[in-house]
Amino acid sequence: MIFDSMAFATGALNFALAFLAAGGFTLIFKAIYRWITPHDEGALIRAGNPAAAIALAGALLGYVIPLASALTHTVSLPEFVAWAALAGVIQITTFWIIRLVALRDVSARIERGEIATGIYLAAISICVGVLNAACMSS
C-alpha cells in the first residue's frame, strides 16, 4: 500500500476541524454549566472540594460522550452543532431535574464537599450522556 499524502492531509484537516469544534463546544458547555449551577465549581475545586470536581467531571463526561457519538454520526457541521446543542441542553436539564426532584439541596451538599452527592450527580450525568449518545445513533 502506498502512502497517500493528499488523502492524509485531507483527513488530518478534517480531524483538526472536528477536534477543535468538539473542544470548543466542550469549553462552551463547561462555561454555561458552571454559570447555571448555583454553586461555583471553579472556586470549590480550587479550594480542594472533591465533590465539586467529581460532579463537574461527570457533567463533562456526560456531555462529551454524546458529542463523540455526534461526531461519528453526522455528516455536516450544522448537524453536529445541532446535536452538540441538544446534548448540552439535556445535561443542563438533568442537573435541574435532580435539583428539583431528587436532591433539592444538591448545591449545598456539593459546597459542603459531600463526596457521595458528587458521585451521585456524576453517575446520573454520565448515564444520561450514554443514553443520549445511543439515541443519536439510531
N, C-alpha and C. Protein backbone atom coordinates (compact mmCIF):
# COMPACT_ATOMS: atom_id res chain seq x y z
N MET A 1 0.84 -1.17 0.00
CA MET A 1 0.00 0.00 0.00
C MET A 1 0.90 1.25 0.00
N ILE A 2 0.59 2.17 -0.85
CA ILE A 2 1.36 3.40 -0.98
C ILE A 2 0.71 4.47 -0.10
N PHE A 3 1.56 5.21 0.60
CA PHE A 3 1.06 6.30 1.45
C PHE A 3 0.55 7.43 0.57
N ASP A 4 -0.70 7.80 0.79
CA ASP A 4 -1.33 8.86 0.02
C ASP A 4 -1.30 10.14 0.85
N SER A 5 -0.31 10.97 0.60
CA SER A 5 -0.15 12.17 1.42
C SER A 5 -1.31 13.15 1.27
N MET A 6 -1.93 13.20 0.10
CA MET A 6 -3.06 14.10 -0.10
C MET A 6 -4.27 13.64 0.72
N ALA A 7 -4.52 12.34 0.70
CA ALA A 7 -5.63 11.81 1.49
C ALA A 7 -5.36 12.02 2.99
N PHE A 8 -4.09 11.82 3.39
CA PHE A 8 -3.75 12.05 4.79
C PHE A 8 -3.95 13.51 5.16
N ALA A 9 -3.51 14.41 4.31
CA ALA A 9 -3.67 15.85 4.59
C ALA A 9 -5.14 16.22 4.72
N THR A 10 -5.96 15.69 3.84
CA THR A 10 -7.40 15.96 3.92
C THR A 10 -7.98 15.39 5.21
N GLY A 11 -7.60 14.16 5.52
CA GLY A 11 -8.08 13.53 6.75
C GLY A 11 -7.60 14.26 7.99
N ALA A 12 -6.34 14.70 7.97
CA ALA A 12 -5.80 15.43 9.12
C ALA A 12 -6.50 16.77 9.30
N LEU A 13 -6.82 17.42 8.22
CA LEU A 13 -7.55 18.70 8.30
C LEU A 13 -8.95 18.47 8.86
N ASN A 14 -9.63 17.43 8.38
CA ASN A 14 -10.96 17.10 8.91
C ASN A 14 -10.90 16.76 10.39
N PHE A 15 -9.87 15.99 10.77
CA PHE A 15 -9.67 15.65 12.18
C PHE A 15 -9.49 16.91 13.01
N ALA A 16 -8.61 17.80 12.55
CA ALA A 16 -8.32 19.03 13.30
C ALA A 16 -9.58 19.89 13.45
N LEU A 17 -10.34 20.03 12.38
CA LEU A 17 -11.57 20.82 12.46
C LEU A 17 -12.58 20.20 13.43
N ALA A 18 -12.75 18.89 13.35
CA ALA A 18 -13.69 18.21 14.25
C ALA A 18 -13.22 18.32 15.70
N PHE A 19 -11.92 18.12 15.92
CA PHE A 19 -11.38 18.18 17.27
C PHE A 19 -11.53 19.58 17.85
N LEU A 20 -11.22 20.59 17.05
CA LEU A 20 -11.36 21.97 17.51
C LEU A 20 -12.83 22.33 17.78
N ALA A 21 -13.71 21.90 16.90
CA ALA A 21 -15.14 22.17 17.10
C ALA A 21 -15.63 21.49 18.38
N ALA A 22 -15.29 20.22 18.55
CA ALA A 22 -15.73 19.49 19.75
C ALA A 22 -15.12 20.09 21.01
N GLY A 23 -13.83 20.43 20.94
CA GLY A 23 -13.19 21.07 22.09
C GLY A 23 -13.82 22.41 22.42
N GLY A 24 -14.11 23.17 21.39
CA GLY A 24 -14.76 24.47 21.60
C GLY A 24 -16.14 24.32 22.22
N PHE A 25 -16.92 23.37 21.70
CA PHE A 25 -18.24 23.15 22.28
C PHE A 25 -18.15 22.66 23.72
N THR A 26 -17.14 21.86 24.02
CA THR A 26 -16.96 21.39 25.40
C THR A 26 -16.66 22.56 26.33
N LEU A 27 -15.80 23.46 25.90
CA LEU A 27 -15.50 24.65 26.72
C LEU A 27 -16.73 25.54 26.89
N ILE A 28 -17.50 25.69 25.84
CA ILE A 28 -18.73 26.48 25.92
C ILE A 28 -19.71 25.82 26.89
N PHE A 29 -19.87 24.48 26.76
CA PHE A 29 -20.76 23.77 27.68
C PHE A 29 -20.31 23.95 29.12
N LYS A 30 -19.01 23.78 29.36
CA LYS A 30 -18.48 23.91 30.72
C LYS A 30 -18.79 25.30 31.29
N ALA A 31 -18.59 26.33 30.49
CA ALA A 31 -18.86 27.69 30.95
C ALA A 31 -20.35 27.88 31.26
N ILE A 32 -21.22 27.40 30.39
CA ILE A 32 -22.66 27.54 30.62
C ILE A 32 -23.08 26.73 31.83
N TYR A 33 -22.60 25.50 31.94
CA TYR A 33 -22.96 24.64 33.07
C TYR A 33 -22.54 25.29 34.38
N ARG A 34 -21.32 25.81 34.43
CA ARG A 34 -20.85 26.48 35.65
C ARG A 34 -21.67 27.73 35.94
N TRP A 35 -22.14 28.39 34.92
CA TRP A 35 -22.94 29.60 35.09
C TRP A 35 -24.33 29.29 35.63
N ILE A 36 -24.92 28.17 35.19
CA ILE A 36 -26.31 27.87 35.60
C ILE A 36 -26.39 27.17 36.95
N THR A 37 -25.31 26.57 37.42
CA THR A 37 -25.38 25.92 38.73
C THR A 37 -25.25 26.97 39.82
N PRO A 38 -26.02 26.82 40.89
CA PRO A 38 -25.97 27.81 41.98
C PRO A 38 -24.64 27.85 42.71
N HIS A 39 -23.90 26.76 42.69
CA HIS A 39 -22.60 26.75 43.36
C HIS A 39 -21.50 27.07 42.36
N ASP A 40 -20.38 27.58 42.84
CA ASP A 40 -19.25 27.97 41.99
C ASP A 40 -18.23 26.85 41.95
N GLU A 41 -18.36 26.00 40.92
CA GLU A 41 -17.47 24.85 40.81
C GLU A 41 -16.01 25.25 40.80
N GLY A 42 -15.68 26.31 40.06
CA GLY A 42 -14.29 26.73 39.96
C GLY A 42 -13.68 27.05 41.31
N ALA A 43 -14.39 27.86 42.09
CA ALA A 43 -13.89 28.24 43.42
C ALA A 43 -13.82 27.02 44.33
N LEU A 44 -14.85 26.17 44.25
CA LEU A 44 -14.87 24.98 45.11
C LEU A 44 -13.73 24.03 44.76
N ILE A 45 -13.48 23.85 43.48
CA ILE A 45 -12.40 22.96 43.06
C ILE A 45 -11.04 23.54 43.46
N ARG A 46 -10.87 24.84 43.26
CA ARG A 46 -9.61 25.47 43.68
C ARG A 46 -9.40 25.35 45.19
N ALA A 47 -10.50 25.29 45.96
CA ALA A 47 -10.40 25.14 47.41
C ALA A 47 -10.21 23.68 47.83
N GLY A 48 -10.18 22.78 46.85
CA GLY A 48 -9.95 21.37 47.16
C GLY A 48 -11.19 20.57 47.44
N ASN A 49 -12.33 21.00 46.96
CA ASN A 49 -13.59 20.31 47.19
C ASN A 49 -13.75 19.16 46.19
N PRO A 50 -13.58 17.91 46.65
CA PRO A 50 -13.66 16.78 45.71
C PRO A 50 -15.06 16.56 45.15
N ALA A 51 -16.09 16.87 45.91
CA ALA A 51 -17.46 16.66 45.43
C ALA A 51 -17.73 17.53 44.21
N ALA A 52 -17.26 18.77 44.24
CA ALA A 52 -17.45 19.67 43.10
C ALA A 52 -16.69 19.16 41.88
N ALA A 53 -15.47 18.67 42.09
CA ALA A 53 -14.67 18.15 40.98
C ALA A 53 -15.33 16.91 40.37
N ILE A 54 -15.81 16.02 41.21
CA ILE A 54 -16.45 14.80 40.73
C ILE A 54 -17.72 15.14 39.95
N ALA A 55 -18.54 16.03 40.50
CA ALA A 55 -19.80 16.39 39.84
C ALA A 55 -19.54 17.06 38.50
N LEU A 56 -18.59 17.98 38.45
CA LEU A 56 -18.30 18.66 37.19
C LEU A 56 -17.69 17.69 36.18
N ALA A 57 -16.82 16.81 36.64
CA ALA A 57 -16.25 15.81 35.74
C ALA A 57 -17.34 14.93 35.14
N GLY A 58 -18.31 14.55 35.95
CA GLY A 58 -19.42 13.74 35.45
C GLY A 58 -20.24 14.48 34.41
N ALA A 59 -20.50 15.76 34.66
CA ALA A 59 -21.26 16.56 33.69
C ALA A 59 -20.49 16.68 32.38
N LEU A 60 -19.17 16.88 32.48
CA LEU A 60 -18.36 16.99 31.27
C LEU A 60 -18.34 15.66 30.50
N LEU A 61 -18.17 14.55 31.21
CA LEU A 61 -18.21 13.25 30.55
C LEU A 61 -19.59 12.99 29.95
N GLY A 62 -20.63 13.35 30.70
CA GLY A 62 -21.99 13.18 30.20
C GLY A 62 -22.26 14.02 28.97
N TYR A 63 -21.49 15.07 28.76
CA TYR A 63 -21.62 15.89 27.57
C TYR A 63 -20.75 15.37 26.42
N VAL A 64 -19.50 15.02 26.69
CA VAL A 64 -18.61 14.63 25.59
C VAL A 64 -18.91 13.25 25.03
N ILE A 65 -19.55 12.38 25.80
CA ILE A 65 -19.92 11.06 25.26
C ILE A 65 -20.90 11.23 24.09
N PRO A 66 -22.00 11.97 24.25
CA PRO A 66 -22.86 12.18 23.08
C PRO A 66 -22.21 13.05 22.00
N LEU A 67 -21.31 13.92 22.41
CA LEU A 67 -20.59 14.73 21.42
C LEU A 67 -19.76 13.82 20.52
N ALA A 68 -19.10 12.84 21.11
CA ALA A 68 -18.32 11.88 20.32
C ALA A 68 -19.23 11.08 19.39
N SER A 69 -20.40 10.70 19.89
CA SER A 69 -21.36 10.00 19.05
C SER A 69 -21.81 10.88 17.89
N ALA A 70 -22.05 12.14 18.18
CA ALA A 70 -22.48 13.06 17.13
C ALA A 70 -21.39 13.20 16.07
N LEU A 71 -20.13 13.22 16.49
CA LEU A 71 -19.03 13.32 15.52
C LEU A 71 -19.01 12.13 14.56
N THR A 72 -19.36 10.97 15.07
CA THR A 72 -19.31 9.77 14.23
C THR A 72 -20.57 9.57 13.40
N HIS A 73 -21.65 10.26 13.75
CA HIS A 73 -22.93 10.03 13.06
C HIS A 73 -23.43 11.20 12.23
N THR A 74 -22.74 12.32 12.26
CA THR A 74 -23.21 13.46 11.49
C THR A 74 -22.35 13.62 10.24
N VAL A 75 -22.93 14.31 9.27
CA VAL A 75 -22.22 14.48 8.00
C VAL A 75 -21.92 15.95 7.69
N SER A 76 -22.38 16.84 8.55
CA SER A 76 -22.13 18.26 8.30
C SER A 76 -21.93 19.00 9.62
N LEU A 77 -21.26 20.13 9.54
CA LEU A 77 -21.04 20.95 10.73
C LEU A 77 -22.36 21.45 11.32
N PRO A 78 -23.31 21.94 10.52
CA PRO A 78 -24.59 22.38 11.12
C PRO A 78 -25.32 21.26 11.87
N GLU A 79 -25.28 20.05 11.33
CA GLU A 79 -25.90 18.92 12.03
C GLU A 79 -25.17 18.63 13.34
N PHE A 80 -23.84 18.67 13.31
CA PHE A 80 -23.05 18.46 14.52
C PHE A 80 -23.37 19.53 15.56
N VAL A 81 -23.46 20.78 15.13
CA VAL A 81 -23.79 21.88 16.04
C VAL A 81 -25.14 21.64 16.70
N ALA A 82 -26.11 21.19 15.93
CA ALA A 82 -27.45 20.92 16.49
C ALA A 82 -27.40 19.83 17.55
N TRP A 83 -26.66 18.74 17.28
CA TRP A 83 -26.55 17.66 18.26
C TRP A 83 -25.75 18.11 19.48
N ALA A 84 -24.72 18.92 19.27
CA ALA A 84 -23.93 19.43 20.39
C ALA A 84 -24.79 20.30 21.30
N ALA A 85 -25.61 21.14 20.70
CA ALA A 85 -26.51 21.99 21.49
C ALA A 85 -27.51 21.15 22.25
N LEU A 86 -28.10 20.15 21.58
CA LEU A 86 -29.07 19.29 22.25
C LEU A 86 -28.43 18.54 23.41
N ALA A 87 -27.22 18.04 23.22
CA ALA A 87 -26.53 17.33 24.31
C ALA A 87 -26.32 18.24 25.51
N GLY A 88 -25.97 19.50 25.26
CA GLY A 88 -25.79 20.46 26.35
C GLY A 88 -27.08 20.75 27.07
N VAL A 89 -28.15 20.93 26.32
CA VAL A 89 -29.46 21.19 26.92
C VAL A 89 -29.88 20.01 27.79
N ILE A 90 -29.64 18.81 27.30
CA ILE A 90 -30.03 17.61 28.06
C ILE A 90 -29.23 17.53 29.37
N GLN A 91 -27.93 17.81 29.34
CA GLN A 91 -27.13 17.76 30.57
C GLN A 91 -27.57 18.83 31.57
N ILE A 92 -27.83 20.02 31.08
CA ILE A 92 -28.26 21.10 31.98
C ILE A 92 -29.64 20.79 32.55
N THR A 93 -30.52 20.27 31.73
CA THR A 93 -31.84 19.87 32.21
C THR A 93 -31.73 18.77 33.26
N THR A 94 -30.81 17.85 33.05
CA THR A 94 -30.60 16.77 34.02
C THR A 94 -30.23 17.34 35.39
N PHE A 95 -29.31 18.31 35.41
CA PHE A 95 -28.94 18.92 36.69
C PHE A 95 -30.17 19.54 37.36
N TRP A 96 -30.95 20.27 36.60
CA TRP A 96 -32.11 20.95 37.19
C TRP A 96 -33.19 19.97 37.64
N ILE A 97 -33.36 18.87 36.93
CA ILE A 97 -34.32 17.85 37.38
C ILE A 97 -33.85 17.24 38.69
N ILE A 98 -32.57 16.92 38.78
CA ILE A 98 -32.03 16.39 40.04
C ILE A 98 -32.26 17.40 41.16
N ARG A 99 -31.99 18.66 40.86
CA ARG A 99 -32.14 19.72 41.87
C ARG A 99 -33.59 19.91 42.29
N LEU A 100 -34.52 19.74 41.38
CA LEU A 100 -35.92 19.96 41.70
C LEU A 100 -36.63 18.72 42.24
N VAL A 101 -36.15 17.54 41.86
CA VAL A 101 -36.87 16.32 42.22
C VAL A 101 -36.14 15.47 43.26
N ALA A 102 -34.89 15.14 42.99
CA ALA A 102 -34.19 14.16 43.83
C ALA A 102 -33.46 14.79 45.01
N LEU A 103 -32.72 15.86 44.76
CA LEU A 103 -31.90 16.48 45.81
C LEU A 103 -32.05 18.00 45.74
N ARG A 104 -33.03 18.52 46.41
CA ARG A 104 -33.26 19.97 46.37
C ARG A 104 -32.06 20.75 46.90
N ASP A 105 -31.29 20.14 47.78
CA ASP A 105 -30.14 20.82 48.37
C ASP A 105 -28.81 20.35 47.76
N VAL A 106 -28.85 19.93 46.49
CA VAL A 106 -27.65 19.39 45.85
C VAL A 106 -26.50 20.39 45.87
N SER A 107 -26.77 21.66 45.64
CA SER A 107 -25.68 22.65 45.63
C SER A 107 -25.07 22.82 47.02
N ALA A 108 -25.91 22.85 48.04
CA ALA A 108 -25.39 22.97 49.40
C ALA A 108 -24.54 21.75 49.75
N ARG A 109 -24.98 20.57 49.32
CA ARG A 109 -24.23 19.35 49.58
C ARG A 109 -22.88 19.37 48.87
N ILE A 110 -22.88 19.84 47.63
CA ILE A 110 -21.63 19.95 46.87
C ILE A 110 -20.72 20.96 47.56
N GLU A 111 -21.26 22.09 47.97
CA GLU A 111 -20.46 23.11 48.66
C GLU A 111 -19.85 22.57 49.95
N ARG A 112 -20.57 21.67 50.64
CA ARG A 112 -20.04 21.07 51.87
C ARG A 112 -19.03 19.97 51.58
N GLY A 113 -18.88 19.63 50.31
CA GLY A 113 -17.89 18.61 49.93
C GLY A 113 -18.37 17.19 50.12
N GLU A 114 -19.68 16.97 50.10
CA GLU A 114 -20.21 15.63 50.28
C GLU A 114 -19.92 14.79 49.03
N ILE A 115 -18.94 13.93 49.16
CA ILE A 115 -18.48 13.14 48.02
C ILE A 115 -19.58 12.25 47.46
N ALA A 116 -20.41 11.69 48.31
CA ALA A 116 -21.49 10.84 47.84
C ALA A 116 -22.41 11.60 46.88
N THR A 117 -22.68 12.86 47.18
CA THR A 117 -23.52 13.67 46.30
C THR A 117 -22.80 13.93 44.98
N GLY A 118 -21.51 14.21 45.03
CA GLY A 118 -20.75 14.42 43.81
C GLY A 118 -20.75 13.18 42.93
N ILE A 119 -20.57 12.02 43.54
CA ILE A 119 -20.58 10.76 42.79
C ILE A 119 -21.96 10.51 42.20
N TYR A 120 -23.00 10.73 42.99
CA TYR A 120 -24.38 10.53 42.51
C TYR A 120 -24.66 11.43 41.31
N LEU A 121 -24.32 12.70 41.43
CA LEU A 121 -24.56 13.66 40.34
C LEU A 121 -23.75 13.27 39.10
N ALA A 122 -22.50 12.88 39.31
CA ALA A 122 -21.66 12.45 38.18
C ALA A 122 -22.23 11.22 37.51
N ALA A 123 -22.66 10.24 38.31
CA ALA A 123 -23.19 9.00 37.74
C ALA A 123 -24.45 9.26 36.92
N ILE A 124 -25.34 10.08 37.44
CA ILE A 124 -26.57 10.41 36.69
C ILE A 124 -26.19 11.12 35.39
N SER A 125 -25.27 12.07 35.46
CA SER A 125 -24.86 12.81 34.26
C SER A 125 -24.26 11.88 33.21
N ILE A 126 -23.42 10.95 33.64
CA ILE A 126 -22.79 10.02 32.70
C ILE A 126 -23.83 9.07 32.11
N CYS A 127 -24.73 8.57 32.95
CA CYS A 127 -25.79 7.68 32.45
C CYS A 127 -26.64 8.38 31.39
N VAL A 128 -27.01 9.61 31.68
CA VAL A 128 -27.81 10.38 30.72
C VAL A 128 -27.01 10.60 29.43
N GLY A 129 -25.72 10.88 29.57
CA GLY A 129 -24.88 11.07 28.40
C GLY A 129 -24.78 9.82 27.54
N VAL A 130 -24.64 8.65 28.17
CA VAL A 130 -24.57 7.40 27.42
C VAL A 130 -25.89 7.14 26.68
N LEU A 131 -27.01 7.34 27.37
CA LEU A 131 -28.30 7.17 26.72
C LEU A 131 -28.49 8.16 25.58
N ASN A 132 -28.08 9.39 25.81
CA ASN A 132 -28.16 10.42 24.80
C ASN A 132 -27.35 10.00 23.56
N ALA A 133 -26.14 9.53 23.78
CA ALA A 133 -25.29 9.09 22.66
C ALA A 133 -25.91 7.93 21.90
N ALA A 134 -26.48 6.98 22.64
CA ALA A 134 -27.11 5.83 21.98
C ALA A 134 -28.31 6.25 21.14
N CYS A 135 -29.06 7.21 21.64
CA CYS A 135 -30.24 7.67 20.89
C CYS A 135 -29.83 8.41 19.63
N MET A 136 -28.67 9.04 19.63
CA MET A 136 -28.21 9.76 18.44
C MET A 136 -27.85 8.81 17.32
N SER A 137 -27.52 7.58 17.66
CA SER A 137 -27.06 6.64 16.64
C SER A 137 -28.19 5.86 16.00
N SER A 138 -29.40 6.05 16.50
CA SER A 138 -30.49 5.25 15.91
C SER A 138 -31.22 6.00 14.83
